[in-house]
PDB file of N, CA and C in Angstrom:
ATOM      1  N   MET A   1     -28.320  20.536   6.208  1.00  0.00           N
ATOM      2  CA  MET A   1     -27.403  19.809   5.378  1.00  0.00           C
ATOM      3  C   MET A   1     -26.336  20.778   4.859  1.00  0.00           C
ATOM      4  N   TYR A   2     -25.108  20.288   4.780  1.00  0.00           N
ATOM      5  CA  TYR A   2     -24.016  21.045   4.201  1.00  0.00           C
ATOM      6  C   TYR A   2     -23.099  20.080   3.467  1.00  0.00           C
ATOM      7  N   TYR A   3     -22.002  20.579   2.937  1.00  0.00           N
ATOM      8  CA  TYR A   3     -21.145  19.759   2.085  1.00  0.00           C
ATOM      9  C   TYR A   3     -19.698  19.799   2.555  1.00  0.00           C
ATOM     10  N   ALA A   4     -18.970  18.754   2.187  1.00  0.00           N
ATOM     11  CA  ALA A   4     -17.560  18.660   2.521  1.00  0.00           C
ATOM     12  C   ALA A   4     -16.762  18.413   1.249  1.00  0.00           C
ATOM     13  N   ARG A   5     -15.563  18.907   1.286  1.00  0.00           N
ATOM     14  CA  ARG A   5     -14.587  18.691   0.208  1.00  0.00           C
ATOM     15  C   ARG A   5     -13.368  18.067   0.861  1.00  0.00           C
ATOM     16  N   LEU A   6     -12.997  16.867   0.408  1.00  0.00           N
ATOM     17  CA  LEU A   6     -11.845  16.153   0.949  1.00  0.00           C
ATOM     18  C   LEU A   6     -10.736  16.161  -0.093  1.00  0.00           C
ATOM     19  N   VAL A   7      -9.590  16.701   0.277  1.00  0.00           N
ATOM     20  CA  VAL A   7      -8.431  16.769  -0.611  1.00  0.00           C
ATOM     21  C   VAL A   7      -7.345  15.872  -0.035  1.00  0.00           C
ATOM     22  N   LYS A   8      -6.717  15.081  -0.918  1.00  0.00           N
ATOM     23  CA  LYS A   8      -5.626  14.191  -0.500  1.00  0.00           C
ATOM     24  C   LYS A   8      -4.413  14.443  -1.383  1.00  0.00           C
ATOM     25  N   TYR A   9      -3.245  14.447  -0.749  1.00  0.00           N
ATOM     26  CA  TYR A   9      -2.006  14.535  -1.517  1.00  0.00           C
ATOM     27  C   TYR A   9      -0.876  13.854  -0.753  1.00  0.00           C
ATOM     28  N   LYS A  10       0.173  13.488  -1.492  1.00  0.00           N
ATOM     29  CA  LYS A  10       1.347  12.852  -0.905  1.00  0.00           C
ATOM     30  C   LYS A  10       2.558  13.710  -1.203  1.00  0.00           C
ATOM     31  N   LEU A  11       3.486  13.690  -0.279  1.00  0.00           N
ATOM     32  CA  LEU A  11       4.769  14.363  -0.452  1.00  0.00           C
ATOM     33  C   LEU A  11       5.878  13.353  -0.207  1.00  0.00           C
ATOM     34  N   GLY A  12       7.103  13.765  -0.417  1.00  0.00           N
ATOM     35  CA  GLY A  12       8.229  12.904  -0.107  1.00  0.00           C
ATOM     36  C   GLY A  12       8.486  12.860   1.386  1.00  0.00           C
ATOM     37  N   PHE A  13       9.299  11.910   1.792  1.00  0.00           N
ATOM     38  CA  PHE A  13       9.659  11.760   3.201  1.00  0.00           C
ATOM     39  C   PHE A  13      10.311  13.036   3.718  1.00  0.00           C
ATOM     40  N   GLY A  14       9.939  13.433   4.928  1.00  0.00           N
ATOM     41  CA  GLY A  14      10.534  14.599   5.568  1.00  0.00           C
ATOM     42  C   GLY A  14       9.981  15.930   5.098  1.00  0.00           C
ATOM     43  N   GLN A  15       8.803  15.930   4.496  1.00  0.00           N
ATOM     44  CA  GLN A  15       8.222  17.156   3.960  1.00  0.00           C
ATOM     45  C   GLN A  15       7.132  17.756   4.849  1.00  0.00           C
ATOM     46  N   ARG A  16       7.086  17.354   6.097  1.00  0.00           N
ATOM     47  CA  ARG A  16       6.025  17.846   6.976  1.00  0.00           C
ATOM     48  C   ARG A  16       6.033  19.373   7.127  1.00  0.00           C
ATOM     49  N   VAL A  17       7.198  19.968   7.237  1.00  0.00           N
ATOM     50  CA  VAL A  17       7.273  21.421   7.388  1.00  0.00           C
ATOM     51  C   VAL A  17       6.623  22.099   6.188  1.00  0.00           C
ATOM     52  N   PHE A  18       6.871  21.584   4.990  1.00  0.00           N
ATOM     53  CA  PHE A  18       6.231  22.129   3.805  1.00  0.00           C
ATOM     54  C   PHE A  18       4.723  21.938   3.884  1.00  0.00           C
ATOM     55  N   ALA A  19       4.273  20.745   4.323  1.00  0.00           N
ATOM     56  CA  ALA A  19       2.835  20.478   4.451  1.00  0.00           C
ATOM     57  C   ALA A  19       2.188  21.435   5.447  1.00  0.00           C
ATOM     58  N   GLU A  20       2.867  21.734   6.533  1.00  0.00           N
ATOM     59  CA  GLU A  20       2.331  22.677   7.515  1.00  0.00           C
ATOM     60  C   GLU A  20       2.210  24.081   6.925  1.00  0.00           C
ATOM     61  N   ARG A  21       3.226  24.519   6.201  1.00  0.00           N
ATOM     62  CA  ARG A  21       3.179  25.838   5.570  1.00  0.00           C
ATOM     63  C   ARG A  21       2.050  25.912   4.553  1.00  0.00           C
ATOM     64  N   LEU A  22       1.935  24.873   3.741  1.00  0.00           N
ATOM     65  CA  LEU A  22       0.881  24.810   2.736  1.00  0.00           C
ATOM     66  C   LEU A  22      -0.500  24.824   3.390  1.00  0.00           C
ATOM     67  N   THR A  23      -0.643  24.079   4.462  1.00  0.00           N
ATOM     68  CA  THR A  23      -1.912  24.014   5.180  1.00  0.00           C
ATOM     69  C   THR A  23      -2.298  25.385   5.727  1.00  0.00           C
ATOM     70  N   LYS A  24      -1.372  26.073   6.324  1.00  0.00           N
ATOM     71  CA  LYS A  24      -1.656  27.413   6.861  1.00  0.00           C
ATOM     72  C   LYS A  24      -2.083  28.366   5.751  1.00  0.00           C
ATOM     73  N   GLU A  25      -1.379  28.310   4.627  1.00  0.00           N
ATOM     74  CA  GLU A  25      -1.696  29.184   3.500  1.00  0.00           C
ATOM     75  C   GLU A  25      -3.106  28.897   2.953  1.00  0.00           C
ATOM     76  N   PHE A  26      -3.424  27.631   2.738  1.00  0.00           N
ATOM     77  CA  PHE A  26      -4.723  27.279   2.186  1.00  0.00           C
ATOM     78  C   PHE A  26      -5.853  27.474   3.202  1.00  0.00           C
ATOM     79  N   ASP A  27      -5.545  27.331   4.473  1.00  0.00           N
ATOM     80  CA  ASP A  27      -6.540  27.595   5.504  1.00  0.00           C
ATOM     81  C   ASP A  27      -6.968  29.057   5.454  1.00  0.00           C
ATOM     82  N   GLN A  28      -6.007  29.955   5.327  1.00  0.00           N
ATOM     83  CA  GLN A  28      -6.322  31.392   5.264  1.00  0.00           C
ATOM     84  C   GLN A  28      -7.145  31.723   4.025  1.00  0.00           C
ATOM     85  N   ILE A  29      -6.800  31.131   2.887  1.00  0.00           N
ATOM     86  CA  ILE A  29      -7.545  31.397   1.658  1.00  0.00           C
ATOM     87  C   ILE A  29      -8.974  30.881   1.773  1.00  0.00           C
ATOM     88  N   SER A  30      -9.133  29.644   2.243  1.00  0.00           N
ATOM     89  CA  SER A  30     -10.473  29.038   2.298  1.00  0.00           C
ATOM     90  C   SER A  30     -11.406  29.837   3.202  1.00  0.00           C
ATOM     91  N   ARG A  31     -10.878  30.429   4.259  1.00  0.00           N
ATOM     92  CA  ARG A  31     -11.704  31.207   5.185  1.00  0.00           C
ATOM     93  C   ARG A  31     -12.285  32.468   4.547  1.00  0.00           C
ATOM     94  N   THR A  32     -11.731  32.892   3.423  1.00  0.00           N
ATOM     95  CA  THR A  32     -12.237  34.091   2.737  1.00  0.00           C
ATOM     96  C   THR A  32     -13.300  33.763   1.695  1.00  0.00           C
ATOM     97  N   LEU A  33     -13.530  32.493   1.412  1.00  0.00           N
ATOM     98  CA  LEU A  33     -14.427  32.101   0.324  1.00  0.00           C
ATOM     99  C   LEU A  33     -15.866  31.954   0.795  1.00  0.00           C
ATOM    100  N   ALA A  34     -16.791  32.212  -0.115  1.00  0.00           N
ATOM    101  CA  ALA A  34     -18.228  32.156   0.200  1.00  0.00           C
ATOM    102  C   ALA A  34     -18.644  30.763   0.658  1.00  0.00           C
ATOM    103  N   GLY A  35     -19.435  30.733   1.719  1.00  0.00           N
ATOM    104  CA  GLY A  35     -19.998  29.486   2.216  1.00  0.00           C
ATOM    105  C   GLY A  35     -19.091  28.684   3.120  1.00  0.00           C
ATOM    106  N   PHE A  36     -17.931  29.221   3.472  1.00  0.00           N
ATOM    107  CA  PHE A  36     -16.981  28.496   4.324  1.00  0.00           C
ATOM    108  C   PHE A  36     -17.575  28.206   5.697  1.00  0.00           C
ATOM    109  N   ARG A  37     -17.375  26.972   6.195  1.00  0.00           N
ATOM    110  CA  ARG A  37     -17.832  26.578   7.528  1.00  0.00           C
ATOM    111  C   ARG A  37     -16.713  26.131   8.447  1.00  0.00           C
ATOM    112  N   GLY A  38     -15.676  25.531   7.897  1.00  0.00           N
ATOM    113  CA  GLY A  38     -14.589  25.051   8.755  1.00  0.00           C
ATOM    114  C   GLY A  38     -13.646  24.123   8.021  1.00  0.00           C
ATOM    115  N   ASN A  39     -12.497  23.880   8.639  1.00  0.00           N
ATOM    116  CA  ASN A  39     -11.478  22.987   8.097  1.00  0.00           C
ATOM    117  C   ASN A  39     -10.999  22.032   9.171  1.00  0.00           C
ATOM    118  N   VAL A  40     -10.627  20.832   8.740  1.00  0.00           N
ATOM    119  CA  VAL A  40      -9.948  19.859   9.595  1.00  0.00           C
ATOM    120  C   VAL A  40      -8.822  19.284   8.754  1.00  0.00           C
ATOM    121  N   TYR A  41      -7.657  19.074   9.372  1.00  0.00           N
ATOM    122  CA  TYR A  41      -6.499  18.582   8.634  1.00  0.00           C
ATOM    123  C   TYR A  41      -5.991  17.293   9.254  1.00  0.00           C
ATOM    124  N   PHE A  42      -5.537  16.380   8.376  1.00  0.00           N
ATOM    125  CA  PHE A  42      -5.031  15.074   8.795  1.00  0.00           C
ATOM    126  C   PHE A  42      -3.638  14.886   8.212  1.00  0.00           C
ATOM    127  N   PHE A  43      -2.666  14.596   9.065  1.00  0.00           N
ATOM    128  CA  PHE A  43      -1.291  14.363   8.627  1.00  0.00           C
ATOM    129  C   PHE A  43      -0.898  12.938   9.011  1.00  0.00           C
ATOM    130  N   GLU A  44      -0.379  12.185   8.053  1.00  0.00           N
ATOM    131  CA  GLU A  44       0.134  10.835   8.298  1.00  0.00           C
ATOM    132  C   GLU A  44       1.570  10.807   7.782  1.00  0.00           C
ATOM    133  N   ASP A  45       2.489  11.213   8.646  1.00  0.00           N
ATOM    134  CA  ASP A  45       3.879  11.370   8.236  1.00  0.00           C
ATOM    135  C   ASP A  45       4.542  10.062   7.815  1.00  0.00           C
ATOM    136  N   THR A  46       4.202   8.951   8.432  1.00  0.00           N
ATOM    137  CA  THR A  46       4.855   7.694   8.077  1.00  0.00           C
ATOM    138  C   THR A  46       4.539   7.277   6.639  1.00  0.00           C
ATOM    139  N   LEU A  47       3.370   7.672   6.130  1.00  0.00           N
ATOM    140  CA  LEU A  47       2.990   7.368   4.745  1.00  0.00           C
ATOM    141  C   LEU A  47       3.147   8.584   3.834  1.00  0.00           C
ATOM    142  N   CYS A  48       3.557   9.709   4.421  1.00  0.00           N
ATOM    143  CA  CYS A  48       3.721  10.979   3.685  1.00  0.00           C
ATOM    144  C   CYS A  48       2.416  11.424   3.036  1.00  0.00           C
ATOM    145  N   GLU A  49       1.292  11.151   3.700  1.00  0.00           N
ATOM    146  CA  GLU A  49      -0.028  11.513   3.189  1.00  0.00           C
ATOM    147  C   GLU A  49      -0.621  12.645   4.010  1.00  0.00           C
ATOM    148  N   TYR A  50      -1.267  13.562   3.290  1.00  0.00           N
ATOM    149  CA  TYR A  50      -1.862  14.726   3.930  1.00  0.00           C
ATOM    150  C   TYR A  50      -3.258  14.926   3.365  1.00  0.00           C
ATOM    151  N   ARG A  51      -4.181  15.319   4.225  1.00  0.00           N
ATOM    152  CA  ARG A  51      -5.571  15.507   3.804  1.00  0.00           C
ATOM    153  C   ARG A  51      -6.140  16.761   4.437  1.00  0.00           C
ATOM    154  N   ALA A  52      -7.041  17.369   3.689  1.00  0.00           N
ATOM    155  CA  ALA A  52      -7.766  18.532   4.195  1.00  0.00           C
ATOM    156  C   ALA A  52      -9.244  18.272   3.982  1.00  0.00           C
ATOM    157  N   LEU A  53     -10.020  18.483   5.020  1.00  0.00           N
ATOM    158  CA  LEU A  53     -11.473  18.343   4.951  1.00  0.00           C
ATOM    159  C   LEU A  53     -12.062  19.722   5.194  1.00  0.00           C
ATOM    160  N   ASN A  54     -12.723  20.263   4.172  1.00  0.00           N
ATOM    161  CA  ASN A  54     -13.341  21.589   4.279  1.00  0.00           C
ATOM    162  C   ASN A  54     -14.850  21.425   4.319  1.00  0.00           C
ATOM    163  N   TYR A  55     -15.508  22.219   5.124  1.00  0.00           N
ATOM    164  CA  TYR A  55     -16.975  22.216   5.193  1.00  0.00           C
ATOM    165  C   TYR A  55     -17.511  23.481   4.531  1.00  0.00           C
ATOM    166  N   TRP A  56     -18.599  23.325   3.747  1.00  0.00           N
ATOM    167  CA  TRP A  56     -19.197  24.425   2.989  1.00  0.00           C
ATOM    168  C   TRP A  56     -20.707  24.410   3.135  1.00  0.00           C
ATOM    169  N   ASP A  57     -21.320  25.573   3.071  1.00  0.00           N
ATOM    170  CA  ASP A  57     -22.776  25.684   3.209  1.00  0.00           C
ATOM    171  C   ASP A  57     -23.531  24.903   2.141  1.00  0.00           C
ATOM    172  N   THR A  58     -23.067  24.982   0.883  1.00  0.00           N
ATOM    173  CA  THR A  58     -23.774  24.325  -0.217  1.00  0.00           C
ATOM    174  C   THR A  58     -22.780  23.587  -1.103  1.00  0.00           C
ATOM    175  N   LYS A  59     -23.311  22.703  -1.932  1.00  0.00           N
ATOM    176  CA  LYS A  59     -22.462  21.996  -2.891  1.00  0.00           C
ATOM    177  C   LYS A  59     -21.830  22.998  -3.854  1.00  0.00           C
ATOM    178  N   ASN A  60     -22.597  23.992  -4.256  1.00  0.00           N
ATOM    179  CA  ASN A  60     -22.081  25.026  -5.144  1.00  0.00           C
ATOM    180  C   ASN A  60     -20.912  25.776  -4.496  1.00  0.00           C
ATOM    181  N   ASP A  61     -21.017  26.086  -3.211  1.00  0.00           N
ATOM    182  CA  ASP A  61     -19.916  26.741  -2.495  1.00  0.00           C
ATOM    183  C   ASP A  61     -18.664  25.853  -2.506  1.00  0.00           C
ATOM    184  N   ALA A  62     -18.858  24.561  -2.265  1.00  0.00           N
ATOM    185  CA  ALA A  62     -17.730  23.627  -2.253  1.00  0.00           C
ATOM    186  C   ALA A  62     -17.077  23.543  -3.627  1.00  0.00           C
ATOM    187  N   GLU A  63     -17.888  23.484  -4.665  1.00  0.00           N
ATOM    188  CA  GLU A  63     -17.358  23.404  -6.026  1.00  0.00           C
ATOM    189  C   GLU A  63     -16.648  24.690  -6.426  1.00  0.00           C
ATOM    190  N   ASN A  64     -17.215  25.829  -6.067  1.00  0.00           N
ATOM    191  CA  ASN A  64     -16.573  27.108  -6.370  1.00  0.00           C
ATOM    192  C   ASN A  64     -15.246  27.247  -5.629  1.00  0.00           C
ATOM    193  N   ALA A  65     -15.221  26.820  -4.380  1.00  0.00           N
ATOM    194  CA  ALA A  65     -13.976  26.867  -3.605  1.00  0.00           C
ATOM    195  C   ALA A  65     -12.926  25.960  -4.252  1.00  0.00           C
ATOM    196  N   ASN A  66     -13.355  24.815  -4.701  1.00  0.00           N
ATOM    197  CA  ASN A  66     -12.423  23.893  -5.341  1.00  0.00           C
ATOM    198  C   ASN A  66     -11.814  24.501  -6.605  1.00  0.00           C
ATOM    199  N   GLN A  67     -12.608  25.260  -7.340  1.00  0.00           N
ATOM    200  CA  GLN A  67     -12.098  25.905  -8.556  1.00  0.00           C
ATOM    201  C   GLN A  67     -11.008  26.933  -8.238  1.00  0.00           C
ATOM    202  N   VAL A  68     -11.068  27.488  -7.046  1.00  0.00           N
ATOM    203  CA  VAL A  68     -10.045  28.442  -6.612  1.00  0.00           C
ATOM    204  C   VAL A  68      -8.843  27.704  -6.010  1.00  0.00           C
ATOM    205  N   LEU A  69      -9.121  26.754  -5.122  1.00  0.00           N
ATOM    206  CA  LEU A  69      -8.075  26.127  -4.324  1.00  0.00           C
ATOM    207  C   LEU A  69      -7.296  25.026  -5.030  1.00  0.00           C
ATOM    208  N   PHE A  70      -7.974  24.173  -5.768  1.00  0.00           N
ATOM    209  CA  PHE A  70      -7.299  22.994  -6.301  1.00  0.00           C
ATOM    210  C   PHE A  70      -6.210  23.322  -7.323  1.00  0.00           C
ATOM    211  N   PRO A  71      -6.449  24.243  -8.267  1.00  0.00           N
ATOM    212  CA  PRO A  71      -5.353  24.593  -9.185  1.00  0.00           C
ATOM    213  C   PRO A  71      -4.131  25.165  -8.460  1.00  0.00           C
ATOM    214  N   LYS A  72      -4.360  25.910  -7.391  1.00  0.00           N
ATOM    215  CA  LYS A  72      -3.248  26.453  -6.595  1.00  0.00           C
ATOM    216  C   LYS A  72      -2.470  25.308  -5.939  1.00  0.00           C
ATOM    217  N   LEU A  73      -3.194  24.309  -5.430  1.00  0.00           N
ATOM    218  CA  LEU A  73      -2.534  23.158  -4.810  1.00  0.00           C
ATOM    219  C   LEU A  73      -1.722  22.392  -5.848  1.00  0.00           C
ATOM    220  N   GLU A  74      -2.310  22.143  -7.006  1.00  0.00           N
ATOM    221  CA  GLU A  74      -1.579  21.435  -8.060  1.00  0.00           C
ATOM    222  C   GLU A  74      -0.290  22.175  -8.415  1.00  0.00           C
ATOM    223  N   GLN A  75      -0.368  23.482  -8.498  1.00  0.00           N
ATOM    224  CA  GLN A  75       0.812  24.286  -8.827  1.00  0.00           C
ATOM    225  C   GLN A  75       1.877  24.183  -7.735  1.00  0.00           C
ATOM    226  N   GLU A  76       1.455  24.251  -6.474  1.00  0.00           N
ATOM    227  CA  GLU A  76       2.401  24.151  -5.350  1.00  0.00           C
ATOM    228  C   GLU A  76       3.110  22.797  -5.330  1.00  0.00           C
ATOM    229  N   LEU A  77       2.388  21.728  -5.700  1.00  0.00           N
ATOM    230  CA  LEU A  77       2.940  20.376  -5.610  1.00  0.00           C
ATOM    231  C   LEU A  77       3.678  19.934  -6.866  1.00  0.00           C
ATOM    232  N   GLU A  78       3.546  20.694  -7.919  1.00  0.00           N
ATOM    233  CA  GLU A  78       4.062  20.312  -9.237  1.00  0.00           C
ATOM    234  C   GLU A  78       5.523  19.845  -9.227  1.00  0.00           C
ATOM    235  N   ASN A  79       6.373  20.540  -8.537  1.00  0.00           N
ATOM    236  CA  ASN A  79       7.799  20.194  -8.525  1.00  0.00           C
ATOM    237  C   ASN A  79       8.223  19.366  -7.312  1.00  0.00           C
ATOM    238  N   LEU A  80       7.255  18.987  -6.474  1.00  0.00           N
ATOM    239  CA  LEU A  80       7.602  18.258  -5.251  1.00  0.00           C
ATOM    240  C   LEU A  80       7.235  16.784  -5.277  1.00  0.00           C
ATOM    241  N   THR A  81       6.250  16.434  -6.093  1.00  0.00           N
ATOM    242  CA  THR A  81       5.792  15.051  -6.096  1.00  0.00           C
ATOM    243  C   THR A  81       5.259  14.684  -7.473  1.00  0.00           C
ATOM    244  N   ALA A  82       5.443  13.431  -7.835  1.00  0.00           N
ATOM    245  CA  ALA A  82       4.911  12.944  -9.111  1.00  0.00           C
ATOM    246  C   ALA A  82       3.448  12.540  -8.974  1.00  0.00           C
ATOM    247  N   GLU A  83       3.013  12.341  -7.728  1.00  0.00           N
ATOM    248  CA  GLU A  83       1.625  11.925  -7.489  1.00  0.00           C
ATOM    249  C   GLU A  83       0.694  13.126  -7.526  1.00  0.00           C
ATOM    250  N   LYS A  84      -0.360  12.992  -8.282  1.00  0.00           N
ATOM    251  CA  LYS A  84      -1.342  14.072  -8.408  1.00  0.00           C
ATOM    252  C   LYS A  84      -2.239  14.100  -7.175  1.00  0.00           C
ATOM    253  N   PRO A  85      -2.581  15.285  -6.694  1.00  0.00           N
ATOM    254  CA  PRO A  85      -3.553  15.368  -5.592  1.00  0.00           C
ATOM    255  C   PRO A  85      -4.938  14.993  -6.111  1.00  0.00           C
ATOM    256  N   SER A  86      -5.824  14.679  -5.196  1.00  0.00           N
ATOM    257  CA  SER A  86      -7.194  14.329  -5.592  1.00  0.00           C
ATOM    258  C   SER A  86      -8.180  15.016  -4.649  1.00  0.00           C
ATOM    259  N   TYR A  87      -9.441  15.049  -5.077  1.00  0.00           N
ATOM    260  CA  TYR A  87     -10.489  15.617  -4.233  1.00  0.00           C
ATOM    261  C   TYR A  87     -11.786  14.871  -4.457  1.00  0.00           C
ATOM    262  N   GLN A  88     -12.649  14.956  -3.462  1.00  0.00           N
ATOM    263  CA  GLN A  88     -13.997  14.392  -3.514  1.00  0.00           C
ATOM    264  C   GLN A  88     -14.929  15.341  -2.775  1.00  0.00           C
ATOM    265  N   PHE A  89     -16.190  15.318  -3.178  1.00  0.00           N
ATOM    266  CA  PHE A  89     -17.227  16.078  -2.478  1.00  0.00           C
ATOM    267  C   PHE A  89     -18.161  15.099  -1.783  1.00  0.00           C
ATOM    268  N   PHE A  90     -18.668  15.490  -0.622  1.00  0.00           N
ATOM    269  CA  PHE A  90     -19.594  14.673   0.144  1.00  0.00           C
ATOM    270  C   PHE A  90     -20.725  15.538   0.685  1.00  0.00           C
ATOM    271  N   GLU A  91     -21.908  14.983   0.704  1.00  0.00           N
ATOM    272  CA  GLU A  91     -22.998  15.594   1.457  1.00  0.00           C
ATOM    273  C   GLU A  91     -22.792  15.162   2.896  1.00  0.00           C
ATOM    274  N   VAL A  92     -22.902  16.089   3.820  1.00  0.00           N
ATOM    275  CA  VAL A  92     -22.657  15.787   5.224  1.00  0.00           C
ATOM    276  C   VAL A  92     -23.985  15.583   5.940  1.00  0.00           C
ATOM    277  N   PHE A  93     -24.126  14.427   6.548  1.00  0.00           N
ATOM    278  CA  PHE A  93     -25.277  14.172   7.408  1.00  0.00           C
ATOM    279  C   PHE A  93     -24.874  14.599   8.806  1.00  0.00           C
ATOM    280  N   ASP A  94     -25.636  15.490   9.390  1.00  0.00           N
ATOM    281  CA  ASP A  94     -25.316  16.015  10.713  1.00  0.00           C
ATOM    282  C   ASP A  94     -26.426  15.666  11.691  1.00  0.00           C
ATOM    283  N   PRO A  95     -26.203  14.692  12.565  1.00  0.00           N
ATOM    284  CA  PRO A  95     -27.228  14.319  13.532  1.00  0.00           C
ATOM    285  C   PRO A  95     -27.524  15.414  14.555  1.00  0.00           C
ATOM    286  N   ALA A  96     -26.708  16.478  14.568  1.00  0.00           N
ATOM    287  CA  ALA A  96     -26.930  17.584  15.496  1.00  0.00           C
ATOM    288  C   ALA A  96     -28.148  18.406  15.095  1.00  0.00           C
ATOM    289  N   ASP A  97     -28.654  18.185  13.886  1.00  0.00           N
ATOM    290  CA  ASP A  97     -29.906  18.791  13.423  1.00  0.00           C
ATOM    291  C   ASP A  97     -29.941  20.307  13.588  1.00  0.00           C
ATOM    292  N   GLY A  98     -29.040  20.992  12.901  1.00  0.00           N
ATOM    293  CA  GLY A  98     -29.089  22.450  12.870  1.00  0.00           C
ATOM    294  C   GLY A  98     -28.311  23.153  13.963  1.00  0.00           C
ATOM    295  N   ARG A  99     -27.705  22.428  14.881  1.00  0.00           N
ATOM    296  CA  ARG A  99     -26.890  23.085  15.903  1.00  0.00           C
ATOM    297  C   ARG A  99     -25.576  23.539  15.275  1.00  0.00           C
ATOM    298  N   ASP A 100     -24.791  24.224  16.046  1.00  0.00           N
ATOM    299  CA  ASP A 100     -23.487  24.708  15.594  1.00  0.00           C
ATOM    300  C   ASP A 100     -22.642  23.540  15.076  1.00  0.00           C
ATOM    301  N   LEU A 101     -21.826  23.817  14.070  1.00  0.00           N
ATOM    302  CA  LEU A 101     -20.971  22.802  13.469  1.00  0.00           C
ATOM    303  C   LEU A 101     -20.119  22.086  14.514  1.00  0.00           C
ATOM    304  N   LEU A 102     -19.614  22.820  15.479  1.00  0.00           N
ATOM    305  CA  LEU A 102     -18.755  22.204  16.478  1.00  0.00           C
ATOM    306  C   LEU A 102     -19.497  21.248  17.399  1.00  0.00           C
ATOM    307  N   PHE A 103     -20.810  21.298  17.417  1.00  0.00           N
ATOM    308  CA  PHE A 103     -21.573  20.396  18.263  1.00  0.00           C
ATOM    309  C   PHE A 103     -21.215  18.939  17.974  1.00  0.00           C
ATOM    310  N   SER A 104     -21.018  18.603  16.712  1.00  0.00           N
ATOM    311  CA  SER A 104     -20.712  17.229  16.352  1.00  0.00           C
ATOM    312  C   SER A 104     -19.306  16.813  16.795  1.00  0.00           C
ATOM    313  N   HIS A 105     -18.493  17.764  17.249  1.00  0.00           N
ATOM    314  CA  HIS A 105     -17.139  17.480  17.694  1.00  0.00           C
ATOM    315  C   HIS A 105     -16.998  17.551  19.219  1.00  0.00           C
ATOM    316  N   ILE A 106     -18.097  17.704  19.916  1.00  0.00           N
ATOM    317  CA  ILE A 106     -18.073  17.832  21.370  1.00  0.00           C
ATOM    318  C   ILE A 106     -18.645  16.578  22.006  1.00  0.00           C
ATOM    319  N   LYS A 107     -17.933  16.048  22.976  1.00  0.00           N
ATOM    320  CA  LYS A 107     -18.407  14.869  23.706  1.00  0.00           C
ATOM    321  C   LYS A 107     -19.456  15.297  24.729  1.00  0.00           C
ATOM    322  N   LEU A 108     -20.611  14.675  24.638  1.00  0.00           N
ATOM    323  CA  LEU A 108     -21.673  14.966  25.609  1.00  0.00           C
ATOM    324  C   LEU A 108     -21.533  14.016  26.792  1.00  0.00           C
ATOM    325  N   VAL A 109     -21.750  14.527  27.973  1.00  0.00           N
ATOM    326  CA  VAL A 109     -21.596  13.717  29.177  1.00  0.00           C
ATOM    327  C   VAL A 109     -22.936  13.342  29.718  1.00  0.00           C
TER     328      VAL A 109
END
């Protein structure tokens, strides 16, 4: 069992380049934090919505990472959008039963 942290935020129209820069910056930071397992990013340009899904070894790792990452995100977005970012934590059920994290992302033939 491991944990996920889902972050959602909105930007104004035409802000994808900023979202990409922000994503790269936060990806590098998250990889240095204890318990990091991986990141997946979702961009929906037509709705100006962006999401980051981070995987962590434990709930405590996810919460500690959030204490580092979320205030930085709020600061970055402060002058760009009136909408506040949000986050949620999830326990991840992995039917791969202890295999590598990427196993759940590979199509078996």
